[in-house]
Amino acid sequence: MREVTYDTIVEAVKRLCIDANVELGSDVVRAMQEAKSQEKSAVADEVLSQLLQNAEIAAAERVPMCQDTGMAVFLVELGQDCHIVGGSLYDAINEGIRRGYGEGYLRASIVQDPIQRKNTGDNTPGIVHVELVSGDTCTIHMTAKGFGSENMSRLQMMKPSDGIDAVEDFVVETVRLAGPNACPPVVVGVGLGGNFEHSAYLAKRALFRPVGERNQRPDAAELELALLAKINQLGLGPQGMGGRTTALDVHVELYATHIAGLPVAVNINCHASRHKHVTL
């Protein structure tokens, strides 16, 4: 049994929160650069140039790339032979958020409950998903999820008879309805299967995958590319100002489902697709 301390997790989470908000991942930068090289619209080309310049300034000056520094969402892959000592995993993550958003001068965007809506002042609590895996390590994946794009996400409980064509139509329609509100070019996470809540989790989980990385199943990878092509034919373009690049990528995650069900969830991420991870 290997031990990971509470303090180690707090420090790691603090760094993840700051780095995710000021350093746009190389996968997203490459995708925007490639999109820029293929754009025919002068406006779209200029918008992509400004987004790339914004990312450069944020990284160089260690300031947030967007004023919406998001809700902190974590996917923790906890090895069954890894023991957290000195405090609970959830408390450690929330303390890391508290310190990271404070020391990084990141906007506190979380209210304590959806009715009274009093700001917690430190961006806690975060959303934490834990998956128990083999091994003795603890891998923490973090995303700072802005709500301009989060609010544009949708879920539909389809019937098996609706078929994959209806799934594709739903995904594309979700992006079309989002329009400029999701700050395109977007990254689209699609959860297909499971049940009501698990399809939404799959869609969120899909957004942790690096841009450009395909699903390992060939049929799912083909679906990702087909959806990407259809979405980019919408012509919304960067920031909704027209062009060929409405989405940088589409990621599909699959899970078993009931014989009577075809759940599909779509979780949209803005161009600031902020995801970092660390293995302890």
Protein backbone atom coordinates (compact mmCIF):
# COMPACT_ATOMS: atom_id res chain seq x y z
CA MET A 1 0.00 0.00 0.00
CA ARG A 2 1.43 3.37 -1.10
CA GLU A 3 0.56 6.55 0.77
CA VAL A 4 -0.15 10.00 -0.65
CA THR A 5 -0.53 12.81 1.84
CA TYR A 6 -3.27 15.38 2.16
CA ASP A 7 -0.73 18.19 1.82
CA THR A 8 0.69 16.70 -1.39
CA ILE A 9 -2.77 16.70 -2.96
CA VAL A 10 -3.50 20.26 -1.79
CA GLU A 11 -0.31 21.57 -3.39
CA ALA A 12 -0.87 19.61 -6.61
CA VAL A 13 -4.45 20.85 -6.96
CA LYS A 14 -3.38 24.43 -6.28
CA ARG A 15 -0.89 24.27 -9.15
CA LEU A 16 -3.42 22.61 -11.48
CA CYS A 17 -5.95 25.36 -10.85
CA ILE A 18 -3.47 28.13 -11.63
CA ASP A 19 -1.77 26.43 -14.58
CA ALA A 20 -5.04 25.41 -16.25
CA ASN A 21 -6.24 29.01 -16.21
CA VAL A 22 -3.06 30.64 -17.51
CA GLU A 23 -1.55 27.99 -19.81
CA LEU A 24 -3.61 26.87 -22.80
CA GLY A 25 -2.63 23.29 -23.60
CA SER A 26 -0.35 22.58 -26.54
CA ASP A 27 -3.06 20.32 -28.01
CA VAL A 28 -5.50 23.23 -28.22
CA VAL A 29 -2.86 25.65 -29.52
CA ARG A 30 -1.89 23.22 -32.29
CA ALA A 31 -5.52 22.71 -33.24
CA MET A 32 -6.13 26.47 -33.51
CA GLN A 33 -2.96 26.95 -35.52
CA GLU A 34 -4.03 24.21 -37.93
CA ALA A 35 -7.51 25.70 -38.16
CA LYS A 36 -6.01 29.11 -38.92
CA SER A 37 -3.99 27.65 -41.79
CA GLN A 38 -7.18 26.29 -43.36
CA GLU A 39 -9.45 29.30 -42.90
CA LYS A 40 -10.58 31.14 -46.02
CA SER A 41 -12.34 33.94 -44.17
CA ALA A 42 -10.17 36.93 -43.29
CA VAL A 43 -12.35 37.63 -40.24
CA ALA A 44 -12.04 34.04 -39.00
CA ASP A 45 -8.29 34.12 -39.57
CA GLU A 46 -8.00 37.32 -37.53
CA VAL A 47 -10.17 35.98 -34.70
CA LEU A 48 -8.00 32.86 -34.43
CA SER A 49 -4.89 35.03 -34.46
CA GLN A 50 -6.28 37.06 -31.56
CA LEU A 51 -7.18 33.93 -29.60
CA LEU A 52 -3.66 32.57 -30.06
CA GLN A 53 -2.15 35.91 -29.06
CA ASN A 54 -4.39 35.99 -25.99
CA ALA A 55 -3.09 32.56 -24.98
CA GLU A 56 0.52 33.70 -25.43
CA ILE A 57 -0.01 36.79 -23.27
CA ALA A 58 -1.78 34.78 -20.56
CA ALA A 59 1.07 32.28 -20.35
CA ALA A 60 3.81 34.92 -20.46
CA GLU A 61 2.26 37.21 -17.86
CA ARG A 62 0.67 34.43 -15.76
CA VAL A 63 -2.80 35.91 -15.98
CA PRO A 64 -6.07 34.12 -16.77
CA MET A 65 -6.77 33.58 -20.47
CA CYS A 66 -10.48 34.28 -19.77
CA GLN A 67 -12.29 36.26 -17.09
CA ASP A 68 -14.52 33.24 -16.44
CA THR A 69 -12.04 31.06 -14.57
CA GLY A 70 -14.67 28.39 -14.35
CA MET A 71 -15.99 25.81 -11.97
CA ALA A 72 -13.18 23.47 -10.94
CA VAL A 73 -14.01 19.94 -12.10
CA PHE A 74 -11.86 16.94 -11.24
CA LEU A 75 -11.62 13.39 -12.51
CA VAL A 76 -9.51 11.39 -10.06
CA GLU A 77 -8.16 7.97 -11.03
CA LEU A 78 -7.38 6.51 -7.62
CA GLY A 79 -5.32 3.32 -7.51
CA GLN A 80 -6.78 0.64 -5.26
CA ASP A 81 -3.37 0.31 -3.61
CA CYS A 82 -3.06 4.04 -2.94
CA HIS A 83 -4.03 5.33 0.50
CA ILE A 84 -4.76 9.01 1.22
CA VAL A 85 -3.39 9.99 4.63
CA GLY A 86 -3.72 13.13 6.74
CA GLY A 87 -7.21 14.06 5.60
CA SER A 88 -9.89 13.24 3.06
CA LEU A 89 -9.40 13.41 -0.71
CA TYR A 90 -12.39 15.75 -1.12
CA ASP A 91 -11.21 18.14 1.58
CA ALA A 92 -7.72 18.20 0.05
CA ILE A 93 -9.07 19.03 -3.39
CA ASN A 94 -11.26 21.84 -2.09
CA GLU A 95 -8.39 23.27 -0.06
CA GLY A 96 -6.25 23.17 -3.21
CA ILE A 97 -8.96 25.04 -5.11
CA ARG A 98 -9.19 27.61 -2.33
CA ARG A 99 -5.45 28.26 -2.38
CA GLY A 100 -5.07 28.10 -6.15
CA TYR A 101 -7.86 30.54 -6.92
CA GLY A 102 -6.67 32.86 -4.15
CA GLU A 103 -2.96 32.86 -4.92
CA GLY A 104 -3.60 32.91 -8.67
CA TYR A 105 -5.98 35.89 -8.39
CA LEU A 106 -8.61 33.88 -10.24
CA ARG A 107 -12.26 34.91 -10.20
CA ALA A 108 -14.46 33.27 -7.59
CA SER A 109 -17.50 32.13 -9.56
CA ILE A 110 -19.25 29.65 -7.26
CA VAL A 111 -22.39 30.31 -5.21
CA GLN A 112 -23.18 28.17 -2.17
CA ASP A 113 -26.57 27.08 -3.48
CA PRO A 114 -28.69 27.80 -6.56
CA ILE A 115 -31.50 29.54 -4.67
CA GLN A 116 -29.90 32.06 -2.29
CA ARG A 117 -26.86 32.43 -4.61
CA LYS A 118 -24.34 33.75 -2.08
CA ASN A 119 -20.80 33.58 -3.47
CA THR A 120 -18.50 31.30 -1.48
CA GLY A 121 -15.63 33.71 -2.16
CA ASP A 122 -12.99 31.09 -2.95
CA ASN A 123 -14.43 29.10 -5.89
CA THR A 124 -15.20 26.10 -3.72
CA PRO A 125 -16.63 23.56 -3.72
CA GLY A 126 -15.41 21.85 -6.85
CA ILE A 127 -16.99 18.90 -8.66
CA VAL A 128 -15.09 15.67 -7.98
CA HIS A 129 -15.51 12.36 -9.80
CA VAL A 130 -13.48 9.41 -8.49
CA GLU A 131 -12.74 6.26 -10.47
CA LEU A 132 -11.12 3.35 -8.65
CA VAL A 133 -8.42 1.81 -10.85
CA SER A 134 -5.63 -0.73 -10.46
CA GLY A 135 -2.21 0.34 -9.20
CA ASP A 136 -0.87 2.52 -6.41
CA THR A 137 -0.91 6.00 -7.94
CA CYS A 138 -3.38 8.87 -7.83
CA THR A 139 -3.89 10.76 -11.09
CA ILE A 140 -5.82 14.01 -10.83
CA HIS A 141 -7.31 15.51 -13.99
CA MET A 142 -8.63 19.06 -13.68
CA THR A 143 -10.62 21.34 -15.94
CA ALA A 144 -11.72 24.91 -15.30
CA LYS A 145 -15.18 24.78 -16.86
CA GLY A 146 -16.67 28.09 -17.90
CA PHE A 147 -20.44 28.39 -17.99
CA GLY A 148 -20.85 30.23 -21.27
CA SER A 149 -20.28 26.86 -22.90
CA GLU A 150 -21.60 24.73 -20.02
CA ASN A 151 -25.00 26.40 -20.29
CA MET A 152 -25.26 25.37 -23.93
CA SER A 153 -25.01 21.65 -23.15
CA ARG A 154 -27.98 19.27 -23.58
CA LEU A 155 -29.12 15.72 -22.87
CA GLN A 156 -31.71 13.64 -24.68
CA MET A 157 -33.14 10.25 -23.77
CA MET A 158 -33.58 8.74 -27.22
CA LYS A 159 -35.07 5.41 -28.24
CA PRO A 160 -32.95 2.74 -29.94
CA SER A 161 -35.19 3.03 -33.00
CA ASP A 162 -34.09 6.65 -33.40
CA GLY A 163 -30.69 5.37 -34.53
CA ILE A 164 -27.26 6.97 -34.89
CA ASP A 165 -28.50 9.43 -37.51
CA ALA A 166 -30.75 11.00 -34.86
CA VAL A 167 -27.82 11.10 -32.45
CA GLU A 168 -25.73 12.97 -35.01
CA ASP A 169 -28.56 15.40 -35.71
CA PHE A 170 -28.97 16.09 -31.98
CA VAL A 171 -25.26 16.78 -31.48
CA VAL A 172 -25.05 19.11 -34.48
CA GLU A 173 -28.27 20.89 -33.49
CA THR A 174 -26.90 21.44 -29.99
CA VAL A 175 -23.86 23.22 -31.39
CA ARG A 176 -26.02 25.22 -33.80
CA LEU A 177 -28.29 26.37 -30.98
CA ALA A 178 -25.26 27.33 -28.90
CA GLY A 179 -24.11 29.67 -31.65
CA PRO A 180 -21.63 32.31 -30.45
CA ASN A 181 -22.66 31.87 -26.79
CA ALA A 182 -20.26 28.94 -26.32
CA CYS A 183 -17.28 31.00 -27.59
CA PRO A 184 -16.31 28.87 -30.58
CA PRO A 185 -14.23 27.23 -31.86
CA VAL A 186 -15.56 24.67 -29.40
CA VAL A 187 -14.58 21.21 -28.28
CA VAL A 188 -17.61 18.90 -28.11
CA GLY A 189 -17.90 16.04 -25.65
CA VAL A 190 -20.52 13.40 -26.44
CA GLY A 191 -21.64 10.75 -23.96
CA LEU A 192 -23.51 7.90 -25.59
CA GLY A 193 -25.02 5.12 -23.49
CA GLY A 194 -25.35 4.41 -19.81
CA ASN A 195 -28.42 6.06 -18.30
CA PHE A 196 -29.59 9.61 -17.59
CA GLU A 197 -26.78 10.70 -15.26
CA HIS A 198 -24.01 8.52 -16.68
CA SER A 199 -24.36 9.85 -20.22
CA ALA A 200 -23.76 13.36 -18.85
CA TYR A 201 -20.69 12.13 -16.98
CA LEU A 202 -19.37 10.49 -20.16
CA ALA A 203 -19.80 13.76 -22.07
CA LYS A 204 -17.85 15.62 -19.40
CA ARG A 205 -15.19 12.91 -19.26
CA ALA A 206 -14.75 13.18 -23.03
CA LEU A 207 -13.58 16.78 -22.63
CA PHE A 208 -10.56 15.67 -20.58
CA ARG A 209 -9.15 13.88 -23.61
CA PRO A 210 -6.51 15.88 -25.54
CA VAL A 211 -7.75 17.57 -28.70
CA GLY A 212 -6.89 15.39 -31.68
CA GLU A 213 -6.90 12.11 -29.77
CA ARG A 214 -9.42 9.68 -31.27
CA ASN A 215 -11.53 7.09 -29.51
CA GLN A 216 -9.77 3.73 -29.66
CA ARG A 217 -12.83 2.03 -31.16
CA PRO A 218 -12.80 2.51 -34.95
CA ASP A 219 -16.57 3.03 -35.22
CA ALA A 220 -16.55 5.63 -32.45
CA ALA A 221 -13.56 7.37 -34.07
CA GLU A 222 -15.46 7.48 -37.37
CA LEU A 223 -18.45 8.99 -35.58
CA GLU A 224 -16.22 11.67 -34.05
CA LEU A 225 -14.84 12.67 -37.45
CA ALA A 226 -18.29 12.63 -39.07
CA LEU A 227 -19.68 14.88 -36.35
CA LEU A 228 -16.70 17.23 -36.60
CA ALA A 229 -17.23 17.61 -40.35
CA LYS A 230 -20.96 18.27 -39.97
CA ILE A 231 -20.45 20.81 -37.19
CA ASN A 232 -17.86 22.71 -39.19
CA GLN A 233 -20.27 22.85 -42.12
CA LEU A 234 -22.57 25.01 -39.97
CA GLY A 235 -20.41 28.01 -40.80
CA LEU A 236 -20.63 29.60 -37.34
CA GLY A 237 -16.86 29.96 -37.24
CA PRO A 238 -14.57 31.41 -34.57
CA GLN A 239 -16.57 33.47 -32.04
CA GLY A 240 -19.63 33.01 -34.25
CA MET A 241 -18.34 35.44 -36.87
CA GLY A 242 -18.34 32.97 -39.76
CA GLY A 243 -15.74 30.58 -41.09
CA ARG A 244 -14.79 26.95 -41.42
CA THR A 245 -13.82 26.35 -37.79
CA THR A 246 -16.81 26.02 -35.51
CA ALA A 247 -15.31 23.08 -33.61
CA LEU A 248 -11.72 22.06 -33.00
CA ASP A 249 -12.70 18.49 -32.19
CA VAL A 250 -15.45 16.10 -31.14
CA HIS A 251 -14.84 13.39 -28.54
CA VAL A 252 -17.28 10.50 -28.10
CA GLU A 253 -17.35 8.24 -25.05
CA LEU A 254 -19.45 5.05 -25.01
CA TYR A 255 -20.93 2.87 -22.27
CA ALA A 256 -23.33 -0.05 -22.03
CA THR A 257 -27.01 0.84 -21.90
CA HIS A 258 -30.46 -0.69 -21.50
CA ILE A 259 -32.13 -2.49 -24.41
CA ALA A 260 -34.82 0.22 -24.39
CA GLY A 261 -32.47 3.21 -24.20
CA LEU A 262 -30.19 5.42 -26.26
CA PRO A 263 -29.13 8.25 -23.93
CA VAL A 264 -27.03 10.99 -25.53
CA ALA A 265 -25.48 13.96 -23.74
CA VAL A 266 -23.53 16.83 -25.28
CA ASN A 267 -21.16 18.89 -23.15
CA ILE A 268 -19.60 21.84 -24.97
CA ASN A 269 -16.29 23.46 -24.11
CA CYS A 270 -15.25 26.89 -25.35
CA HIS A 271 -12.00 27.59 -27.22
CA ALA A 272 -10.28 27.87 -23.83
CA SER A 273 -10.38 24.11 -23.37
CA ARG A 274 -8.52 24.12 -20.06
CA HIS A 275 -7.39 20.74 -18.81
CA LYS A 276 -4.33 19.71 -16.82
CA HIS A 277 -3.37 16.56 -14.91
CA VAL A 278 -0.80 15.26 -12.48
CA THR A 279 0.09 11.78 -11.24
CA LEU A 280 1.06 11.44 -7.58
